[in-house]
Amino acid sequence: MSSKKHVILAGGLVGLLAVLLVHFGNPANMGFCIACFIRDIAGGLGLHRAGVVQYIRPEIIGMGLGAWLMAMGSGDFRVRGGSSPFTRFILGFFVMIGALVFLGCPLRMVLRLAGGDLTAILGLVGFTAGILLGIVFLNKGFTLKRTYSLNKAEGFLFPAMKIAFFILLVVAPSFIFFSESGPGSMRAPVALALIAGLLVGFAGQRTRMCTVGGIRDLIMFKDAHLISGFAAIFVIALLGNIITGNFNLGFDGQPVAHNDGLWNFLGMALAGLGSVLLGGCPLRQVILSAEGNIDSVITFLGLLVGAAFAHNFGLASSAAGATANGKTAVIIGLIVVAAIGFLNMDRSADVTMKGDVKVGA
């Protein structure tokens, strides 16, 4: 299922599911947002105490389990790791900081645009600029080194964690937090959210869906294969929002968004740069984690800790705009991530890259 037709169909499915999830209770323009939902999970687990964004999101649980089941069935489940794990943790951390200053991951950026949110335009421009800078590092030989085969049992821990999250969601012990107001309180029924997550996990695993990979491949190889899926997400979500009355064209009053253009740009530039160096966007990292890529599991933990840090230290934006702490964190993040790119350039290697595979000496 790697043809362009299948990628477009998978993108259309994601766009449709995103519209349905909003219609049945998820926040507007947030049918799916990997960054926002990981942030909510961090809050639900008590890793941060921002009361309006606390909920163990079934969509992320479903994505992980769906991708794992599909990988097991297709023979794509291969347990490997050891490729600069702590560097990947740091990159994941700063990708999350950038996303929460913008208020959304690359997938939500597309969904915001499909909802008429023009404040996301500068986010898209910044995201592309970050990817362009990342491509400079790739062309200069950037590499986080090879991975190694690991004990197969290691690969089962990520889906086991998802099952544990689901048990905590359903049992709802007293130490788990649920928002009573704000975006965390807006949620589709658990069964619908879980099924939607499973379907996105199935589709993402079979088609290698990735916003970063799509833009990167279009620029580096003139290959529109992956980006066609996100074009389909945009078109279907746009049509769905118009039909359901959730389309609101403009800059002001957009849901869970702000119109501070500079920090929309810089936040997504940080997310784009970090994701290129990681080899995939947050959605892709969840899928890779389910396939047995332990380095992506470490990245997922970096995203989770980054979300907790962002809300514990006032880095995440609000409708009022980016905070002073958030602006400082983005600048620090851009410096750190660029330094990681520079320090990991292998100048002796002739490196090319496509998908999630590096080929070189």
Foldseek 3Di string as FASTA:
>chain_A
DAFLVLLLVLLLLLLVQLLVWVVQWAFFLPSDFLLLQLLQPLVQLVLAPPQQRHANFLLLLLLLVLLLVLLVVVVLQFAKEDLQQVVLLLLLLLLSLLQLQQQGFPLSLLSCVLQQAPLSVLLVVLLLLLLVLLVVLVQLAFGSDDMDGDDSVLLVVLNVVSVVSVVCNVVVPPSGHAHPDHSSPTGGDSVSSSVSSSSSNNSCNVHVAFCLQQSNCCVPPVDNSRVSSSVSSSVSNNVSCVVVVSRDHDHPPRTFGANPSVSSSLSSSSNNNSQSSVLGTLSSLSSVSSSNYVSSVSSSVSSSSSSSVCNNPVLGAGRHHGDPNVVVSSVVSVVVSVVSSVVRHDNVWRWDDHRSDIDID
